[in-house]
Amino acid sequence: MVGRPELTEAEIAENEREDADAGYDESDDDSEPTSAGAVDRRPASAATPARKPSLGVRLVEFLRGSWRELQRVQWPDRRQVMQATGVVIGFVIVAGVFLGVADLVATKVVKIILP
């Protein structure tokens, strides 16, 4: 990564703890049983529905998680931005010329067909 120091073991562990506290656990996937052929034998009445946190708590957690992800993004440097901008402008010019020529040809064809 450019311009960003490598994370220490303690920082990596802290990030993992924060991710675990964010409420999503990859190992808690209901689509896959824990072992081959395992069936949940609890009666339906014994399963208690999980309470959803309030909207404010969920919003704050979403914003915190979003901020953590933004800090992990490898932002482009000035050279990369200029290069990508040049490529986009080049494609826009090429597409503009193509559409202009296609419009000119279509206009001529329509004028020939409809005098």
C-alpha atoms as a PDB file:
ATOM      1  CA  MET A   1       0.000   0.000   0.000  1.00  0.00           C
ATOM      2  CA  VAL A   2       1.300   3.426  -0.882  1.00  0.00           C
ATOM      3  CA  GLY A   3       1.683   5.985   1.887  1.00  0.00           C
ATOM      4  CA  ARG A   4       0.255   3.763   4.619  1.00  0.00           C
ATOM      5  CA  PRO A   5       2.329   1.896   7.219  1.00  0.00           C
ATOM      6  CA  GLU A   6       1.835  -1.829   7.658  1.00  0.00           C
ATOM      7  CA  LEU A   7      -0.430  -2.882  10.522  1.00  0.00           C
ATOM      8  CA  THR A   8       1.112  -4.409  13.623  1.00  0.00           C
ATOM      9  CA  GLU A   9      -0.122  -7.665  15.124  1.00  0.00           C
ATOM     10  CA  ALA A  10      -1.949  -5.723  17.857  1.00  0.00           C
ATOM     11  CA  GLU A  11      -3.728  -3.512  15.289  1.00  0.00           C
ATOM     12  CA  ILE A  12      -4.752  -6.556  13.254  1.00  0.00           C
ATOM     13  CA  ALA A  13      -6.139  -8.231  16.388  1.00  0.00           C
ATOM     14  CA  GLU A  14      -8.010  -5.028  17.309  1.00  0.00           C
ATOM     15  CA  ASN A  15      -9.526  -4.826  13.795  1.00  0.00           C
ATOM     16  CA  GLU A  16     -10.644  -8.437  14.041  1.00  0.00           C
ATOM     17  CA  ARG A  17     -12.251  -7.769  17.441  1.00  0.00           C
ATOM     18  CA  GLU A  18     -14.038  -4.728  16.010  1.00  0.00           C
ATOM     19  CA  ASP A  19     -15.260  -6.786  13.059  1.00  0.00           C
ATOM     20  CA  ALA A  20     -16.537  -9.471  15.408  1.00  0.00           C
ATOM     21  CA  ASP A  21     -18.372  -6.847  17.464  1.00  0.00           C
ATOM     22  CA  ALA A  22     -20.039  -5.413  14.342  1.00  0.00           C
ATOM     23  CA  GLY A  23     -22.740  -8.079  14.527  1.00  0.00           C
ATOM     24  CA  TYR A  24     -21.925 -10.286  11.528  1.00  0.00           C
ATOM     25  CA  ASP A  25     -20.415 -13.666  12.072  1.00  0.00           C
ATOM     26  CA  GLU A  26     -19.360 -15.528   8.921  1.00  0.00           C
ATOM     27  CA  SER A  27     -19.445 -18.833  10.784  1.00  0.00           C
ATOM     28  CA  ASP A  28     -23.122 -18.271  11.678  1.00  0.00           C
ATOM     29  CA  ASP A  29     -24.499 -19.199   8.265  1.00  0.00           C
ATOM     30  CA  ASP A  30     -27.913 -20.851   8.424  1.00  0.00           C
ATOM     31  CA  SER A  31     -27.602 -22.267   4.913  1.00  0.00           C
ATOM     32  CA  GLU A  32     -24.965 -24.835   5.908  1.00  0.00           C
ATOM     33  CA  PRO A  33     -25.371 -27.376   8.703  1.00  0.00           C
ATOM     34  CA  THR A  34     -22.564 -27.634  11.244  1.00  0.00           C
ATOM     35  CA  SER A  35     -21.939 -31.270  10.426  1.00  0.00           C
ATOM     36  CA  ALA A  36     -22.980 -33.626   7.668  1.00  0.00           C
ATOM     37  CA  GLY A  37     -26.619 -34.585   8.114  1.00  0.00           C
ATOM     38  CA  ALA A  38     -27.028 -32.629  11.343  1.00  0.00           C
ATOM     39  CA  VAL A  39     -30.599 -31.685  12.151  1.00  0.00           C
ATOM     40  CA  ASP A  40     -31.733 -29.200  14.769  1.00  0.00           C
ATOM     41  CA  ARG A  41     -33.851 -31.306  17.168  1.00  0.00           C
ATOM     42  CA  ARG A  42     -35.183 -28.416  19.277  1.00  0.00           C
ATOM     43  CA  PRO A  43     -38.930 -27.860  19.153  1.00  0.00           C
ATOM     44  CA  ALA A  44     -40.095 -24.744  17.329  1.00  0.00           C
ATOM     45  CA  SER A  45     -41.377 -23.199  20.575  1.00  0.00           C
ATOM     46  CA  ALA A  46     -37.898 -23.430  22.149  1.00  0.00           C
ATOM     47  CA  ALA A  47     -36.366 -21.209  19.470  1.00  0.00           C
ATOM     48  CA  THR A  48     -36.488 -17.630  20.664  1.00  0.00           C
ATOM     49  CA  PRO A  49     -36.412 -14.962  17.981  1.00  0.00           C
ATOM     50  CA  ALA A  50     -33.380 -12.703  18.134  1.00  0.00           C
ATOM     51  CA  ARG A  51     -34.213  -9.122  19.054  1.00  0.00           C
ATOM     52  CA  LYS A  52     -33.286  -6.546  16.466  1.00  0.00           C
ATOM     53  CA  PRO A  53     -31.292  -3.611  17.773  1.00  0.00           C
ATOM     54  CA  SER A  54     -32.977  -0.239  17.502  1.00  0.00           C
ATOM     55  CA  LEU A  55     -32.719   1.807  14.324  1.00  0.00           C
ATOM     56  CA  GLY A  56     -30.301   4.265  15.944  1.00  0.00           C
ATOM     57  CA  VAL A  57     -27.952   1.509  17.092  1.00  0.00           C
ATOM     58  CA  ARG A  58     -28.043  -0.142  13.671  1.00  0.00           C
ATOM     59  CA  LEU A  59     -27.368   3.197  11.953  1.00  0.00           C
ATOM     60  CA  VAL A  60     -24.393   3.955  14.212  1.00  0.00           C
ATOM     61  CA  GLU A  61     -22.953   0.466  13.633  1.00  0.00           C
ATOM     62  CA  PHE A  62     -23.441   0.854   9.880  1.00  0.00           C
ATOM     63  CA  LEU A  63     -21.623   4.199   9.889  1.00  0.00           C
ATOM     64  CA  ARG A  64     -18.780   2.811  12.015  1.00  0.00           C
ATOM     65  CA  GLY A  65     -18.401  -0.184   9.700  1.00  0.00           C
ATOM     66  CA  SER A  66     -18.499   2.072   6.656  1.00  0.00           C
ATOM     67  CA  TRP A  67     -15.800   4.296   8.129  1.00  0.00           C
ATOM     68  CA  ARG A  68     -13.600   1.260   8.864  1.00  0.00           C
ATOM     69  CA  GLU A  69     -13.992   0.089   5.270  1.00  0.00           C
ATOM     70  CA  LEU A  70     -13.156   3.551   3.921  1.00  0.00           C
ATOM     71  CA  GLN A  71      -9.962   3.531   5.967  1.00  0.00           C
ATOM     72  CA  ARG A  72      -8.960   0.242   4.335  1.00  0.00           C
ATOM     73  CA  VAL A  73      -9.420   1.523   0.778  1.00  0.00           C
ATOM     74  CA  GLN A  74      -6.255   1.992  -1.223  1.00  0.00           C
ATOM     75  CA  TRP A  75      -6.880   5.431  -2.707  1.00  0.00           C
ATOM     76  CA  PRO A  76      -5.233   6.215  -6.076  1.00  0.00           C
ATOM     77  CA  ASP A  77      -2.413   8.722  -6.231  1.00  0.00           C
ATOM     78  CA  ARG A  78      -2.395  11.788  -8.481  1.00  0.00           C
ATOM     79  CA  ARG A  79      -0.704   9.953 -11.367  1.00  0.00           C
ATOM     80  CA  GLN A  80      -3.283   7.162 -11.362  1.00  0.00           C
ATOM     81  CA  VAL A  81      -6.159   9.663 -11.250  1.00  0.00           C
ATOM     82  CA  MET A  82      -4.723  11.654 -14.157  1.00  0.00           C
ATOM     83  CA  GLN A  83      -4.174   8.500 -16.193  1.00  0.00           C
ATOM     84  CA  ALA A  84      -7.719   7.221 -15.585  1.00  0.00           C
ATOM     85  CA  THR A  85      -9.158  10.652 -16.371  1.00  0.00           C
ATOM     86  CA  GLY A  86      -7.220  10.726 -19.644  1.00  0.00           C
ATOM     87  CA  VAL A  87      -8.560   7.304 -20.606  1.00  0.00           C
ATOM     88  CA  VAL A  88     -12.153   8.380 -19.877  1.00  0.00           C
ATOM     89  CA  ILE A  89     -11.794  11.614 -21.848  1.00  0.00           C
ATOM     90  CA  GLY A  90     -10.246   9.674 -24.746  1.00  0.00           C
ATOM     91  CA  PHE A  91     -13.149   7.224 -24.853  1.00  0.00           C
ATOM     92  CA  VAL A  92     -15.662  10.082 -24.682  1.00  0.00           C
ATOM     93  CA  ILE A  93     -13.996  11.762 -27.666  1.00  0.00           C
ATOM     94  CA  VAL A  94     -13.952   8.520 -29.658  1.00  0.00           C
ATOM     95  CA  ALA A  95     -17.612   7.808 -28.827  1.00  0.00           C
ATOM     96  CA  GLY A  96     -18.553  11.404 -29.727  1.00  0.00           C
ATOM     97  CA  VAL A  97     -16.841  11.172 -33.117  1.00  0.00           C
ATOM     98  CA  PHE A  98     -18.469   7.798 -33.800  1.00  0.00           C
ATOM     99  CA  LEU A  99     -21.944   9.045 -32.877  1.00  0.00           C
ATOM    100  CA  GLY A 100     -21.424  12.243 -34.890  1.00  0.00           C
ATOM    101  CA  VAL A 101     -20.448  10.285 -38.008  1.00  0.00           C
ATOM    102  CA  ALA A 102     -23.328   7.837 -37.481  1.00  0.00           C
ATOM    103  CA  ASP A 103     -25.744  10.773 -37.145  1.00  0.00           C
ATOM    104  CA  LEU A 104     -24.385  12.390 -40.315  1.00  0.00           C
ATOM    105  CA  VAL A 105     -24.736   9.148 -42.278  1.00  0.00           C
ATOM    106  CA  ALA A 106     -28.233   8.501 -40.909  1.00  0.00           C
ATOM    107  CA  THR A 107     -29.284  12.054 -41.810  1.00  0.00           C
ATOM    108  CA  LYS A 108     -28.042  11.634 -45.383  1.00  0.00           C
ATOM    109  CA  VAL A 109     -29.837   8.275 -45.738  1.00  0.00           C
ATOM    110  CA  VAL A 110     -33.114   9.675 -44.413  1.00  0.00           C
ATOM    111  CA  LYS A 111     -32.896  12.691 -46.757  1.00  0.00           C
ATOM    112  CA  ILE A 112     -32.361  10.342 -49.710  1.00  0.00           C
ATOM    113  CA  ILE A 113     -35.336   8.173 -48.721  1.00  0.00           C
ATOM    114  CA  LEU A 114     -37.664  11.073 -47.810  1.00  0.00           C
ATOM    115  CA  PRO A 115     -37.156  13.913 -50.284  1.00  0.00           C
END
